[in-house]
Amino acid sequence: MKLYKTIPVFLTIILVGTLCSIISAALEEDEPPFDANDTVLVTETNTYVDYIPVYVEQDGNMKESLVNYIKDEIHEMPEYLKNKCMAVYIINDEQMDVEAEDEAYGLTVQNKNKQSAIYFNYDLLNTGGDEQIKDTIYHEFWHAFDMYVIFPYEYSSNSGMEELYKKYNDDEGDDISEFFAKQGANYSLDTNGIRNKEDLYAYYEAIEKV
């Protein structure tokens, strides 16, 4: 066989192999970062992640590995986000319906003492991959950060953020506080979506993180 005939075949083999690798990697990224066959938590589990109380309102279906994954992500967070949260609740979809008006992966609420509690919907997170889980966790902690001031939503309602909201918000369903939390998660996870917007990135860099 002549050389000029073998080259296209060789290149095709390489191309197919490369595509298979890319597809395989993409599928792996979409897979949940926990073992679906892992041990089911048999009792309600209340514990601490650093100094944050974490309550698992067990319904008999929650897997230990996903609960631990959420706890590990919280542990890895910077202190300025963790210290604005009073407590975390990991609950199922039915329990979340009681807390939230709409179906939600997460929810942050503030009590009359201006302390923030974060709720995570185990059932929805159980269907998501690594990216969705991390984004949800950071999104809600940025809500708590935003609420932890004399005037709730002080960070997301100041003039600097208002200008950025008008400039960059591309979701009509997002009010300014949602935009703030969404971009805060992008900042914490260092996504290209915020890196490419220098003024937006600079806003989060300049926030006093105490």
C-alpha atoms as a PDB file:
ATOM      1  CA  MET A   1       0.000   0.000   0.000  1.00  0.00           C
ATOM      2  CA  LYS A   2       1.347   3.417  -0.914  1.00  0.00           C
ATOM      3  CA  LEU A   3       2.074   5.995   1.767  1.00  0.00           C
ATOM      4  CA  TYR A   4      -0.400   8.593   0.515  1.00  0.00           C
ATOM      5  CA  LYS A   5      -3.226   6.116   1.055  1.00  0.00           C
ATOM      6  CA  THR A   6      -2.198   5.188   4.601  1.00  0.00           C
ATOM      7  CA  ILE A   7      -1.995   8.763   5.927  1.00  0.00           C
ATOM      8  CA  PRO A   8      -5.753   9.522   5.744  1.00  0.00           C
ATOM      9  CA  VAL A   9      -6.550   6.225   7.462  1.00  0.00           C
ATOM     10  CA  PHE A  10      -4.009   6.962  10.184  1.00  0.00           C
ATOM     11  CA  LEU A  11      -5.381  10.472  10.725  1.00  0.00           C
ATOM     12  CA  THR A  12      -8.932   9.126  10.863  1.00  0.00           C
ATOM     13  CA  ILE A  13      -7.974   6.678  13.604  1.00  0.00           C
ATOM     14  CA  ILE A  14      -6.360   9.488  15.617  1.00  0.00           C
ATOM     15  CA  LEU A  15      -9.365  11.775  15.099  1.00  0.00           C
ATOM     16  CA  VAL A  16     -11.860   9.114  16.167  1.00  0.00           C
ATOM     17  CA  GLY A  17      -9.780   8.283  19.227  1.00  0.00           C
ATOM     18  CA  THR A  18      -9.557  11.946  20.210  1.00  0.00           C
ATOM     19  CA  LEU A  19     -13.297  12.455  19.813  1.00  0.00           C
ATOM     20  CA  CYS A  20     -14.018   9.391  21.921  1.00  0.00           C
ATOM     21  CA  SER A  21     -11.757  10.732  24.664  1.00  0.00           C
ATOM     22  CA  ILE A  22     -13.482  14.122  24.612  1.00  0.00           C
ATOM     23  CA  ILE A  23     -16.943  12.564  24.732  1.00  0.00           C
ATOM     24  CA  SER A  24     -15.909  10.231  27.529  1.00  0.00           C
ATOM     25  CA  ALA A  25     -14.482  13.114  29.551  1.00  0.00           C
ATOM     26  CA  ALA A  26     -17.641  15.161  29.045  1.00  0.00           C
ATOM     27  CA  LEU A  27     -19.824  12.287  30.207  1.00  0.00           C
ATOM     28  CA  GLU A  28     -17.666  11.815  33.280  1.00  0.00           C
ATOM     29  CA  GLU A  29     -18.054  15.500  34.141  1.00  0.00           C
ATOM     30  CA  ASP A  30     -21.841  15.170  34.001  1.00  0.00           C
ATOM     31  CA  GLU A  31     -21.882  12.151  36.273  1.00  0.00           C
ATOM     32  CA  PRO A  32     -22.633  12.825  39.940  1.00  0.00           C
ATOM     33  CA  PRO A  33     -19.410  13.020  42.009  1.00  0.00           C
ATOM     34  CA  PHE A  34     -20.621  10.352  44.375  1.00  0.00           C
ATOM     35  CA  ASP A  35     -21.513   6.689  44.406  1.00  0.00           C
ATOM     36  CA  ALA A  36     -25.181   6.033  43.618  1.00  0.00           C
ATOM     37  CA  ASN A  37     -24.893   2.712  45.468  1.00  0.00           C
ATOM     38  CA  ASP A  38     -23.400   4.261  48.564  1.00  0.00           C
ATOM     39  CA  THR A  39     -24.691   3.754  52.084  1.00  0.00           C
ATOM     40  CA  VAL A  40     -28.059   5.279  52.861  1.00  0.00           C
ATOM     41  CA  LEU A  41     -28.139   7.416  55.979  1.00  0.00           C
ATOM     42  CA  VAL A  42     -30.488   5.586  58.306  1.00  0.00           C
ATOM     43  CA  THR A  43     -31.020   8.319  60.881  1.00  0.00           C
ATOM     44  CA  GLU A  44     -31.220  12.085  60.940  1.00  0.00           C
ATOM     45  CA  THR A  45     -27.658  13.346  61.099  1.00  0.00           C
ATOM     46  CA  ASN A  46     -26.741  16.627  62.744  1.00  0.00           C
ATOM     47  CA  THR A  47     -23.135  17.677  62.747  1.00  0.00           C
ATOM     48  CA  TYR A  48     -20.784  20.609  62.228  1.00  0.00           C
ATOM     49  CA  VAL A  49     -18.645  21.693  59.310  1.00  0.00           C
ATOM     50  CA  ASP A  50     -16.010  23.762  61.049  1.00  0.00           C
ATOM     51  CA  TYR A  51     -18.289  26.009  63.151  1.00  0.00           C
ATOM     52  CA  ILE A  52     -21.424  25.774  60.976  1.00  0.00           C
ATOM     53  CA  PRO A  53     -24.160  23.409  62.202  1.00  0.00           C
ATOM     54  CA  VAL A  54     -25.369  21.154  59.386  1.00  0.00           C
ATOM     55  CA  TYR A  55     -28.735  19.436  59.777  1.00  0.00           C
ATOM     56  CA  VAL A  56     -29.637  16.515  57.528  1.00  0.00           C
ATOM     57  CA  GLU A  57     -33.398  16.065  57.663  1.00  0.00           C
ATOM     58  CA  GLN A  58     -33.315  12.415  56.688  1.00  0.00           C
ATOM     59  CA  ASP A  59     -36.123  10.781  54.754  1.00  0.00           C
ATOM     60  CA  GLY A  60     -34.535   7.362  54.376  1.00  0.00           C
ATOM     61  CA  ASN A  61     -33.250   7.933  50.842  1.00  0.00           C
ATOM     62  CA  MET A  62     -30.256  10.202  51.264  1.00  0.00           C
ATOM     63  CA  LYS A  63     -26.851   8.766  50.401  1.00  0.00           C
ATOM     64  CA  GLU A  64     -23.928   9.360  52.712  1.00  0.00           C
ATOM     65  CA  SER A  65     -21.504  10.223  49.908  1.00  0.00           C
ATOM     66  CA  LEU A  66     -23.516  13.165  48.521  1.00  0.00           C
ATOM     67  CA  VAL A  67     -24.105  14.560  51.993  1.00  0.00           C
ATOM     68  CA  ASN A  68     -20.377  14.293  52.698  1.00  0.00           C
ATOM     69  CA  TYR A  69     -19.586  15.898  49.336  1.00  0.00           C
ATOM     70  CA  ILE A  70     -21.684  18.937  50.260  1.00  0.00           C
ATOM     71  CA  LYS A  71     -19.977  19.138  53.645  1.00  0.00           C
ATOM     72  CA  ASP A  72     -16.525  18.904  52.061  1.00  0.00           C
ATOM     73  CA  GLU A  73     -17.315  21.738  49.647  1.00  0.00           C
ATOM     74  CA  ILE A  74     -18.443  23.939  52.538  1.00  0.00           C
ATOM     75  CA  HIS A  75     -15.260  23.119  54.449  1.00  0.00           C
ATOM     76  CA  GLU A  76     -13.135  24.232  51.483  1.00  0.00           C
ATOM     77  CA  MET A  77     -14.866  27.617  51.261  1.00  0.00           C
ATOM     78  CA  PRO A  78     -13.083  30.844  52.224  1.00  0.00           C
ATOM     79  CA  GLU A  79     -13.810  32.065  55.745  1.00  0.00           C
ATOM     80  CA  TYR A  80     -15.487  35.285  54.624  1.00  0.00           C
ATOM     81  CA  LEU A  81     -18.291  33.231  53.070  1.00  0.00           C
ATOM     82  CA  LYS A  82     -18.587  30.618  55.795  1.00  0.00           C
ATOM     83  CA  ASN A  83     -18.781  33.067  58.666  1.00  0.00           C
ATOM     84  CA  LYS A  84     -21.930  34.726  57.277  1.00  0.00           C
ATOM     85  CA  CYS A  85     -24.014  31.552  57.576  1.00  0.00           C
ATOM     86  CA  MET A  86     -25.830  30.532  60.765  1.00  0.00           C
ATOM     87  CA  ALA A  87     -26.788  26.994  59.717  1.00  0.00           C
ATOM     88  CA  VAL A  88     -27.163  24.639  56.753  1.00  0.00           C
ATOM     89  CA  TYR A  89     -30.080  22.280  56.199  1.00  0.00           C
ATOM     90  CA  ILE A  90     -29.954  19.396  53.721  1.00  0.00           C
ATOM     91  CA  ILE A  91     -33.538  18.470  52.934  1.00  0.00           C
ATOM     92  CA  ASN A  92     -35.524  16.600  50.293  1.00  0.00           C
ATOM     93  CA  ASP A  93     -37.655  18.044  47.520  1.00  0.00           C
ATOM     94  CA  GLU A  94     -40.910  17.751  49.453  1.00  0.00           C
ATOM     95  CA  GLN A  95     -39.409  19.545  52.433  1.00  0.00           C
ATOM     96  CA  MET A  96     -38.019  22.251  50.133  1.00  0.00           C
ATOM     97  CA  ASP A  97     -41.509  22.872  48.739  1.00  0.00           C
ATOM     98  CA  VAL A  98     -42.513  23.995  52.232  1.00  0.00           C
ATOM     99  CA  GLU A  99     -39.626  26.475  52.403  1.00  0.00           C
ATOM    100  CA  ALA A 100     -39.550  27.801  48.821  1.00  0.00           C
ATOM    101  CA  GLU A 101     -42.280  29.103  46.536  1.00  0.00           C
ATOM    102  CA  ASP A 102     -40.717  27.499  43.460  1.00  0.00           C
ATOM    103  CA  GLU A 103     -38.662  24.370  42.884  1.00  0.00           C
ATOM    104  CA  ALA A 104     -35.114  25.229  43.867  1.00  0.00           C
ATOM    105  CA  TYR A 105     -31.709  23.632  44.262  1.00  0.00           C
ATOM    106  CA  GLY A 106     -31.018  25.914  47.192  1.00  0.00           C
ATOM    107  CA  LEU A 107     -32.557  28.662  49.304  1.00  0.00           C
ATOM    108  CA  THR A 108     -31.197  31.245  51.727  1.00  0.00           C
ATOM    109  CA  VAL A 109     -33.447  32.853  54.347  1.00  0.00           C
ATOM    110  CA  GLN A 110     -32.792  35.406  57.061  1.00  0.00           C
ATOM    111  CA  ASN A 111     -34.423  35.474  60.491  1.00  0.00           C
ATOM    112  CA  LYS A 112     -35.410  38.560  62.471  1.00  0.00           C
ATOM    113  CA  ASN A 113     -31.937  38.645  64.037  1.00  0.00           C
ATOM    114  CA  LYS A 114     -30.454  38.958  60.546  1.00  0.00           C
ATOM    115  CA  GLN A 115     -28.912  35.508  60.688  1.00  0.00           C
ATOM    116  CA  SER A 116     -28.910  33.489  57.468  1.00  0.00           C
ATOM    117  CA  ALA A 117     -29.794  29.820  57.108  1.00  0.00           C
ATOM    118  CA  ILE A 118     -29.159  27.917  53.888  1.00  0.00           C
ATOM    119  CA  TYR A 119     -31.282  25.030  52.588  1.00  0.00           C
ATOM    120  CA  PHE A 120     -30.023  22.556  49.989  1.00  0.00           C
ATOM    121  CA  ASN A 121     -32.419  20.359  48.023  1.00  0.00           C
ATOM    122  CA  TYR A 122     -30.856  16.892  48.202  1.00  0.00           C
ATOM    123  CA  ASP A 123     -33.165  15.395  45.566  1.00  0.00           C
ATOM    124  CA  LEU A 124     -32.319  17.992  42.907  1.00  0.00           C
ATOM    125  CA  LEU A 125     -28.614  18.002  43.718  1.00  0.00           C
ATOM    126  CA  ASN A 126     -28.709  14.212  43.489  1.00  0.00           C
ATOM    127  CA  THR A 127     -29.554  14.600  39.796  1.00  0.00           C
ATOM    128  CA  GLY A 128     -26.822  17.136  39.092  1.00  0.00           C
ATOM    129  CA  GLY A 129     -23.139  16.835  38.424  1.00  0.00           C
ATOM    130  CA  ASP A 130     -20.137  18.344  40.115  1.00  0.00           C
ATOM    131  CA  GLU A 131     -20.559  21.748  38.455  1.00  0.00           C
ATOM    132  CA  GLN A 132     -24.209  22.112  39.459  1.00  0.00           C
ATOM    133  CA  ILE A 133     -23.552  21.158  43.076  1.00  0.00           C
ATOM    134  CA  LYS A 134     -20.613  23.534  43.509  1.00  0.00           C
ATOM    135  CA  ASP A 135     -22.465  26.368  41.785  1.00  0.00           C
ATOM    136  CA  THR A 136     -25.499  25.899  44.039  1.00  0.00           C
ATOM    137  CA  ILE A 137     -23.423  25.857  47.212  1.00  0.00           C
ATOM    138  CA  TYR A 138     -21.479  29.004  46.362  1.00  0.00           C
ATOM    139  CA  HIS A 139     -24.580  30.760  45.015  1.00  0.00           C
ATOM    140  CA  GLU A 140     -26.403  30.352  48.325  1.00  0.00           C
ATOM    141  CA  PHE A 141     -23.396  31.339  50.423  1.00  0.00           C
ATOM    142  CA  TRP A 142     -23.085  34.538  48.381  1.00  0.00           C
ATOM    143  CA  HIS A 143     -26.742  35.253  49.197  1.00  0.00           C
ATOM    144  CA  ALA A 144     -25.866  34.860  52.884  1.00  0.00           C
ATOM    145  CA  PHE A 145     -22.883  37.169  52.400  1.00  0.00           C
ATOM    146  CA  ASP A 146     -25.150  39.744  50.773  1.00  0.00           C
ATOM    147  CA  MET A 147     -27.626  39.584  53.659  1.00  0.00           C
ATOM    148  CA  TYR A 148     -25.003  39.855  56.404  1.00  0.00           C
ATOM    149  CA  VAL A 149     -25.010  43.637  56.668  1.00  0.00           C
ATOM    150  CA  ILE A 150     -26.931  46.363  58.488  1.00  0.00           C
ATOM    151  CA  PHE A 151     -29.218  46.745  55.493  1.00  0.00           C
ATOM    152  CA  PRO A 152     -30.024  43.397  53.801  1.00  0.00           C
ATOM    153  CA  TYR A 153     -28.834  43.201  50.198  1.00  0.00           C
ATOM    154  CA  GLU A 154     -26.547  46.182  50.737  1.00  0.00           C
ATOM    155  CA  TYR A 155     -23.897  44.720  48.442  1.00  0.00           C
ATOM    156  CA  SER A 156     -26.266  43.839  45.635  1.00  0.00           C
ATOM    157  CA  SER A 157     -28.238  47.074  45.794  1.00  0.00           C
ATOM    158  CA  ASN A 158     -25.454  49.662  45.729  1.00  0.00           C
ATOM    159  CA  SER A 159     -24.867  51.848  42.704  1.00  0.00           C
ATOM    160  CA  GLY A 160     -21.785  49.952  41.532  1.00  0.00           C
ATOM    161  CA  MET A 161     -23.618  46.641  41.320  1.00  0.00           C
ATOM    162  CA  GLU A 162     -26.671  48.285  39.781  1.00  0.00           C
ATOM    163  CA  GLU A 163     -24.571  49.472  36.857  1.00  0.00           C
ATOM    164  CA  LEU A 164     -23.024  46.025  36.414  1.00  0.00           C
ATOM    165  CA  TYR A 165     -26.459  44.418  36.614  1.00  0.00           C
ATOM    166  CA  LYS A 166     -27.766  46.660  33.848  1.00  0.00           C
ATOM    167  CA  LYS A 167     -24.683  45.965  31.755  1.00  0.00           C
ATOM    168  CA  TYR A 168     -24.338  42.205  32.124  1.00  0.00           C
ATOM    169  CA  ASN A 169     -27.597  40.638  33.271  1.00  0.00           C
ATOM    170  CA  ASP A 170     -28.928  38.396  30.497  1.00  0.00           C
ATOM    171  CA  ASP A 171     -31.696  36.626  32.430  1.00  0.00           C
ATOM    172  CA  GLU A 172     -34.965  38.537  32.778  1.00  0.00           C
ATOM    173  CA  GLY A 173     -35.912  36.264  35.673  1.00  0.00           C
ATOM    174  CA  ASP A 174     -32.971  37.417  37.799  1.00  0.00           C
ATOM    175  CA  ASP A 175     -33.396  40.376  40.088  1.00  0.00           C
ATOM    176  CA  ILE A 176     -30.267  42.157  41.228  1.00  0.00           C
ATOM    177  CA  SER A 177     -29.756  39.953  44.308  1.00  0.00           C
ATOM    178  CA  GLU A 178     -29.908  36.815  42.145  1.00  0.00           C
ATOM    179  CA  PHE A 179     -27.460  38.370  39.719  1.00  0.00           C
ATOM    180  CA  PHE A 180     -25.117  39.203  42.612  1.00  0.00           C
ATOM    181  CA  ALA A 181     -25.212  35.628  43.954  1.00  0.00           C
ATOM    182  CA  LYS A 182     -24.846  34.094  40.495  1.00  0.00           C
ATOM    183  CA  GLN A 183     -21.809  36.199  39.650  1.00  0.00           C
ATOM    184  CA  GLY A 184     -20.414  35.646  43.140  1.00  0.00           C
ATOM    185  CA  ALA A 185     -20.459  31.905  42.465  1.00  0.00           C
ATOM    186  CA  ASN A 186     -18.729  32.544  39.128  1.00  0.00           C
ATOM    187  CA  TYR A 187     -16.112  34.586  40.968  1.00  0.00           C
ATOM    188  CA  SER A 188     -15.494  31.921  43.613  1.00  0.00           C
ATOM    189  CA  LEU A 189     -15.315  29.144  41.031  1.00  0.00           C
ATOM    190  CA  ASP A 190     -13.167  31.370  38.773  1.00  0.00           C
ATOM    191  CA  THR A 191     -15.192  30.784  35.644  1.00  0.00           C
ATOM    192  CA  ASN A 192     -14.390  32.313  32.272  1.00  0.00           C
ATOM    193  CA  GLY A 193     -17.819  33.931  32.358  1.00  0.00           C
ATOM    194  CA  ILE A 194     -16.615  36.485  34.891  1.00  0.00           C
ATOM    195  CA  ARG A 195     -12.911  36.515  34.060  1.00  0.00           C
ATOM    196  CA  ASN A 196     -13.791  37.986  30.669  1.00  0.00           C
ATOM    197  CA  LYS A 197     -15.709  40.858  32.299  1.00  0.00           C
ATOM    198  CA  GLU A 198     -12.947  42.829  33.955  1.00  0.00           C
ATOM    199  CA  ASP A 199     -15.113  45.441  35.691  1.00  0.00           C
ATOM    200  CA  LEU A 200     -17.444  42.771  37.101  1.00  0.00           C
ATOM    201  CA  TYR A 201     -14.516  40.689  38.325  1.00  0.00           C
ATOM    202  CA  ALA A 202     -12.921  43.794  39.853  1.00  0.00           C
ATOM    203  CA  TYR A 203     -16.121  44.491  41.814  1.00  0.00           C
ATOM    204  CA  TYR A 204     -15.829  41.167  43.664  1.00  0.00           C
ATOM    205  CA  GLU A 205     -12.095  41.581  44.102  1.00  0.00           C
ATOM    206  CA  ALA A 206     -12.729  44.911  45.831  1.00  0.00           C
ATOM    207  CA  ILE A 207     -15.382  43.642  48.259  1.00  0.00           C
ATOM    208  CA  GLU A 208     -14.131  43.733  51.828  1.00  0.00           C
ATOM    209  CA  LYS A 209     -13.908  40.052  52.695  1.00  0.00           C
ATOM    210  CA  VAL A 210     -13.982  39.869  56.491  1.00  0.00           C
END
